[in-house]
Amino acid sequence: MLSGKTYGYKTIIHAFFFISGACALILSLLAARSDNYKGDFNVIFWIGSLLVFIGLLMKTFYVPYDTFVIIGGVAISGLSFFINPLQSKDDNDEELLDQ
């Protein structure tokens, strides 16, 4: 898509990319609201993914500073592996070692 070799289907590929990416982000946010995924959802990772998606949209439309948005989104997503604000402090896996 970014190389320009879409063989005449550029608008269809772009529309599919935009719609499927936006739907995936919205569905991941809605799935996180359910009780089954409350402990697994990380809002910082979701914000980083949103920034990466916006950066890719900017890159597709040749908006300046798109690389900085993508790098920022990847950095925030990487930071999310160390910080999870929704994880409770009582979730210690000490019982796992006792078994």
N, C-alpha and C. Protein backbone atom coordinates (compact mmCIF):
# COMPACT_ATOMS: atom_id res chain seq x y z
N MET A 1 0.82 -1.18 0.00
CA MET A 1 0.00 0.00 0.00
C MET A 1 0.86 1.25 0.00
N LEU A 2 1.92 1.25 0.77
CA LEU A 2 2.79 2.42 0.82
C LEU A 2 3.76 2.47 -0.35
N SER A 3 3.95 1.36 -1.04
CA SER A 3 4.88 1.34 -2.16
C SER A 3 4.26 1.87 -3.44
N GLY A 4 2.94 1.98 -3.50
CA GLY A 4 2.28 2.49 -4.68
C GLY A 4 1.94 1.43 -5.71
N LYS A 5 2.20 0.17 -5.42
CA LYS A 5 1.91 -0.91 -6.37
C LYS A 5 0.64 -1.64 -5.93
N THR A 6 -0.49 -0.98 -6.12
CA THR A 6 -1.77 -1.56 -5.72
C THR A 6 -2.57 -2.06 -6.91
N TYR A 7 -2.03 -1.93 -8.11
CA TYR A 7 -2.63 -2.45 -9.33
C TYR A 7 -4.05 -1.93 -9.57
N GLY A 8 -4.26 -0.65 -9.29
CA GLY A 8 -5.53 -0.01 -9.57
C GLY A 8 -6.57 -0.09 -8.48
N TYR A 9 -6.25 -0.74 -7.37
CA TYR A 9 -7.22 -0.89 -6.28
C TYR A 9 -6.83 -0.05 -5.07
N LYS A 10 -6.20 1.08 -5.27
CA LYS A 10 -5.68 1.88 -4.17
C LYS A 10 -6.78 2.37 -3.25
N THR A 11 -7.86 2.89 -3.78
CA THR A 11 -8.92 3.43 -2.92
C THR A 11 -9.63 2.33 -2.14
N ILE A 12 -9.80 1.17 -2.76
CA ILE A 12 -10.46 0.06 -2.05
C ILE A 12 -9.56 -0.46 -0.93
N ILE A 13 -8.28 -0.57 -1.19
CA ILE A 13 -7.33 -1.05 -0.17
C ILE A 13 -7.25 -0.05 0.97
N HIS A 14 -7.19 1.23 0.67
CA HIS A 14 -7.13 2.25 1.72
C HIS A 14 -8.40 2.24 2.56
N ALA A 15 -9.55 2.16 1.90
CA ALA A 15 -10.81 2.16 2.65
C ALA A 15 -10.90 0.92 3.54
N PHE A 16 -10.50 -0.25 3.04
CA PHE A 16 -10.51 -1.46 3.86
C PHE A 16 -9.56 -1.34 5.04
N PHE A 17 -8.38 -0.76 4.81
CA PHE A 17 -7.40 -0.56 5.88
C PHE A 17 -7.95 0.37 6.95
N PHE A 18 -8.54 1.48 6.55
CA PHE A 18 -9.06 2.45 7.52
C PHE A 18 -10.23 1.87 8.31
N ILE A 19 -11.16 1.24 7.62
CA ILE A 19 -12.37 0.73 8.29
C ILE A 19 -12.04 -0.44 9.20
N SER A 20 -11.22 -1.38 8.74
CA SER A 20 -10.89 -2.53 9.57
C SER A 20 -10.03 -2.13 10.77
N GLY A 21 -9.12 -1.20 10.60
CA GLY A 21 -8.31 -0.74 11.73
C GLY A 21 -9.13 -0.01 12.76
N ALA A 22 -10.03 0.86 12.32
CA ALA A 22 -10.88 1.59 13.25
C ALA A 22 -11.84 0.64 13.97
N CYS A 23 -12.38 -0.32 13.25
CA CYS A 23 -13.27 -1.31 13.88
C CYS A 23 -12.53 -2.15 14.91
N ALA A 24 -11.31 -2.53 14.61
CA ALA A 24 -10.52 -3.33 15.56
C ALA A 24 -10.23 -2.55 16.83
N LEU A 25 -9.90 -1.27 16.70
CA LEU A 25 -9.64 -0.45 17.89
C LEU A 25 -10.90 -0.27 18.73
N ILE A 26 -12.02 -0.03 18.07
CA ILE A 26 -13.27 0.15 18.80
C ILE A 26 -13.70 -1.16 19.47
N LEU A 27 -13.58 -2.28 18.76
CA LEU A 27 -13.97 -3.56 19.35
C LEU A 27 -13.06 -3.95 20.51
N SER A 28 -11.78 -3.62 20.44
CA SER A 28 -10.90 -3.94 21.57
C SER A 28 -11.25 -3.11 22.79
N LEU A 29 -11.68 -1.86 22.57
CA LEU A 29 -12.09 -1.03 23.70
C LEU A 29 -13.40 -1.55 24.28
N LEU A 30 -14.33 -1.96 23.43
CA LEU A 30 -15.61 -2.49 23.92
C LEU A 30 -15.42 -3.83 24.62
N ALA A 31 -14.52 -4.67 24.12
CA ALA A 31 -14.27 -5.96 24.76
C ALA A 31 -13.63 -5.79 26.13
N ALA A 32 -12.87 -4.73 26.29
CA ALA A 32 -12.21 -4.48 27.57
C ALA A 32 -13.22 -4.09 28.65
N ARG A 33 -14.37 -3.62 28.24
CA ARG A 33 -15.39 -3.21 29.21
C ARG A 33 -16.08 -4.42 29.84
N SER A 34 -15.99 -5.58 29.19
CA SER A 34 -16.62 -6.77 29.75
C SER A 34 -15.80 -7.28 30.93
N ASP A 35 -16.44 -8.03 31.78
CA ASP A 35 -15.78 -8.52 33.00
C ASP A 35 -14.72 -9.56 32.71
N ASN A 36 -14.81 -10.26 31.60
CA ASN A 36 -13.85 -11.33 31.29
C ASN A 36 -12.46 -10.79 31.01
N TYR A 37 -12.35 -9.59 30.45
CA TYR A 37 -11.05 -9.05 30.05
C TYR A 37 -10.61 -7.87 30.90
N LYS A 38 -11.26 -7.61 32.01
CA LYS A 38 -10.92 -6.43 32.82
C LYS A 38 -9.47 -6.46 33.28
N GLY A 39 -8.97 -7.61 33.70
CA GLY A 39 -7.60 -7.69 34.19
C GLY A 39 -6.55 -7.68 33.10
N ASP A 40 -6.94 -8.04 31.88
CA ASP A 40 -5.98 -8.12 30.78
C ASP A 40 -5.86 -6.82 30.00
N PHE A 41 -6.82 -5.92 30.10
CA PHE A 41 -6.81 -4.70 29.30
C PHE A 41 -5.85 -3.69 29.89
N ASN A 42 -5.07 -3.08 29.01
CA ASN A 42 -4.13 -2.04 29.42
C ASN A 42 -4.44 -0.80 28.60
N VAL A 43 -4.91 0.25 29.26
CA VAL A 43 -5.32 1.46 28.55
C VAL A 43 -4.13 2.16 27.91
N ILE A 44 -2.95 2.03 28.47
CA ILE A 44 -1.77 2.66 27.88
C ILE A 44 -1.42 1.99 26.56
N PHE A 45 -1.53 0.68 26.49
CA PHE A 45 -1.28 -0.02 25.23
C PHE A 45 -2.31 0.37 24.18
N TRP A 46 -3.57 0.55 24.61
CA TRP A 46 -4.61 0.94 23.67
C TRP A 46 -4.34 2.34 23.12
N ILE A 47 -3.90 3.25 23.95
CA ILE A 47 -3.57 4.61 23.48
C ILE A 47 -2.39 4.56 22.52
N GLY A 48 -1.38 3.74 22.82
CA GLY A 48 -0.25 3.58 21.91
C GLY A 48 -0.67 3.01 20.57
N SER A 49 -1.57 2.03 20.60
CA SER A 49 -2.08 1.45 19.35
C SER A 49 -2.87 2.47 18.55
N LEU A 50 -3.62 3.30 19.24
CA LEU A 50 -4.37 4.36 18.57
C LEU A 50 -3.44 5.35 17.90
N LEU A 51 -2.35 5.70 18.58
CA LEU A 51 -1.37 6.62 17.98
C LEU A 51 -0.67 6.00 16.77
N VAL A 52 -0.36 4.73 16.84
CA VAL A 52 0.25 4.06 15.68
C VAL A 52 -0.73 4.04 14.51
N PHE A 53 -2.00 3.79 14.77
CA PHE A 53 -3.01 3.80 13.71
C PHE A 53 -3.14 5.19 13.10
N ILE A 54 -3.17 6.22 13.93
CA ILE A 54 -3.24 7.60 13.43
C ILE A 54 -1.98 7.93 12.63
N GLY A 55 -0.81 7.48 13.10
CA GLY A 55 0.43 7.71 12.36
C GLY A 55 0.43 7.04 11.00
N LEU A 56 -0.13 5.83 10.93
CA LEU A 56 -0.22 5.15 9.63
C LEU A 56 -1.20 5.86 8.70
N LEU A 57 -2.28 6.39 9.26
CA LEU A 57 -3.18 7.20 8.45
C LEU A 57 -2.48 8.44 7.92
N MET A 58 -1.69 9.07 8.80
CA MET A 58 -0.94 10.25 8.37
C MET A 58 0.07 9.90 7.29
N LYS A 59 0.71 8.77 7.42
CA LYS A 59 1.69 8.34 6.43
C LYS A 59 1.02 8.05 5.09
N THR A 60 -0.18 7.49 5.13
CA THR A 60 -0.91 7.20 3.91
C THR A 60 -1.29 8.48 3.17
N PHE A 61 -1.66 9.52 3.92
CA PHE A 61 -2.06 10.78 3.31
C PHE A 61 -0.90 11.77 3.18
N TYR A 62 0.31 11.31 3.45
CA TYR A 62 1.54 12.12 3.33
C TYR A 62 1.47 13.40 4.16
N VAL A 63 1.00 13.27 5.39
CA VAL A 63 0.97 14.39 6.33
C VAL A 63 2.35 14.47 6.98
N PRO A 64 2.89 15.68 7.13
CA PRO A 64 4.21 15.79 7.75
C PRO A 64 4.19 15.31 9.22
N TYR A 65 5.36 14.92 9.68
CA TYR A 65 5.60 14.46 11.05
C TYR A 65 4.89 13.14 11.36
N ASP A 66 4.61 12.36 10.36
CA ASP A 66 3.96 11.07 10.59
C ASP A 66 4.89 10.10 11.31
N THR A 67 6.16 10.16 11.03
CA THR A 67 7.11 9.25 11.66
C THR A 67 7.20 9.48 13.16
N PHE A 68 7.10 10.74 13.58
CA PHE A 68 7.15 11.04 15.01
C PHE A 68 5.92 10.49 15.74
N VAL A 69 4.77 10.52 15.09
CA VAL A 69 3.56 9.98 15.70
C VAL A 69 3.67 8.46 15.81
N ILE A 70 4.19 7.81 14.78
CA ILE A 70 4.36 6.35 14.82
C ILE A 70 5.37 5.96 15.90
N ILE A 71 6.49 6.66 15.98
CA ILE A 71 7.49 6.36 17.00
C ILE A 71 6.94 6.61 18.39
N GLY A 72 6.16 7.67 18.56
CA GLY A 72 5.54 7.94 19.86
C GLY A 72 4.56 6.85 20.25
N GLY A 73 3.77 6.37 19.29
CA GLY A 73 2.83 5.30 19.58
C GLY A 73 3.53 4.00 19.94
N VAL A 74 4.61 3.69 19.24
CA VAL A 74 5.36 2.47 19.56
C VAL A 74 6.02 2.59 20.93
N ALA A 75 6.52 3.79 21.25
CA ALA A 75 7.14 4.00 22.56
C ALA A 75 6.11 3.86 23.69
N ILE A 76 4.93 4.41 23.49
CA ILE A 76 3.88 4.28 24.51
C ILE A 76 3.43 2.82 24.64
N SER A 77 3.33 2.13 23.52
CA SER A 77 2.97 0.70 23.58
C SER A 77 4.04 -0.10 24.29
N GLY A 78 5.30 0.22 24.06
CA GLY A 78 6.39 -0.46 24.76
C GLY A 78 6.38 -0.16 26.25
N LEU A 79 6.04 1.07 26.60
CA LEU A 79 5.96 1.46 28.01
C LEU A 79 4.84 0.71 28.72
N SER A 80 3.81 0.35 27.98
CA SER A 80 2.66 -0.32 28.59
C SER A 80 3.00 -1.72 29.11
N PHE A 81 4.08 -2.31 28.65
CA PHE A 81 4.46 -3.62 29.16
C PHE A 81 5.04 -3.54 30.57
N PHE A 82 5.42 -2.34 30.99
CA PHE A 82 5.97 -2.15 32.33
C PHE A 82 4.98 -1.50 33.28
N ILE A 83 3.99 -0.77 32.73
CA ILE A 83 3.02 -0.05 33.55
C ILE A 83 1.62 -0.46 33.13
N ASN A 84 0.80 -0.87 34.09
CA ASN A 84 -0.60 -1.17 33.84
C ASN A 84 -1.42 -0.52 34.95
N PRO A 85 -2.06 0.62 34.66
CA PRO A 85 -2.78 1.32 35.72
C PRO A 85 -4.03 0.59 36.20
N LEU A 86 -4.57 -0.33 35.43
CA LEU A 86 -5.80 -1.02 35.83
C LEU A 86 -5.52 -2.31 36.60
N GLN A 87 -4.29 -2.74 36.68
CA GLN A 87 -3.96 -3.98 37.38
C GLN A 87 -3.97 -3.70 38.88
N SER A 88 -4.69 -4.53 39.61
CA SER A 88 -4.76 -4.33 41.05
C SER A 88 -3.45 -4.76 41.70
N LYS A 89 -3.17 -4.14 42.81
CA LYS A 89 -1.92 -4.43 43.53
C LYS A 89 -1.98 -5.78 44.23
N ASP A 90 -3.17 -6.34 44.40
CA ASP A 90 -3.33 -7.61 45.10
C ASP A 90 -3.08 -8.82 44.22
N ASP A 91 -2.83 -8.60 42.92
CA ASP A 91 -2.61 -9.72 42.01
C ASP A 91 -1.17 -10.21 42.07
N ASN A 92 -0.83 -10.85 43.14
CA ASN A 92 0.50 -11.44 43.28
C ASN A 92 0.41 -12.92 42.97
N ASP A 93 1.37 -13.44 42.30
CA ASP A 93 1.37 -14.85 41.94
C ASP A 93 2.22 -15.66 42.93
N GLU A 94 2.20 -15.28 44.18
CA GLU A 94 2.98 -16.00 45.18
C GLU A 94 2.40 -17.39 45.45
N GLU A 95 1.10 -17.55 45.28
CA GLU A 95 0.48 -18.83 45.51
C GLU A 95 0.92 -19.86 44.46
N LEU A 96 1.29 -19.39 43.30
CA LEU A 96 1.74 -20.27 42.25
C LEU A 96 3.02 -21.00 42.66
N LEU A 97 3.89 -20.32 43.38
CA LEU A 97 5.15 -20.93 43.81
C LEU A 97 4.94 -21.93 44.94
N ASP A 98 3.87 -21.78 45.69
CA ASP A 98 3.62 -22.68 46.82
C ASP A 98 3.08 -24.01 46.39
N GLN A 99 2.58 -24.13 45.18
CA GLN A 99 1.94 -25.37 44.77
C GLN A 99 2.93 -26.44 44.43
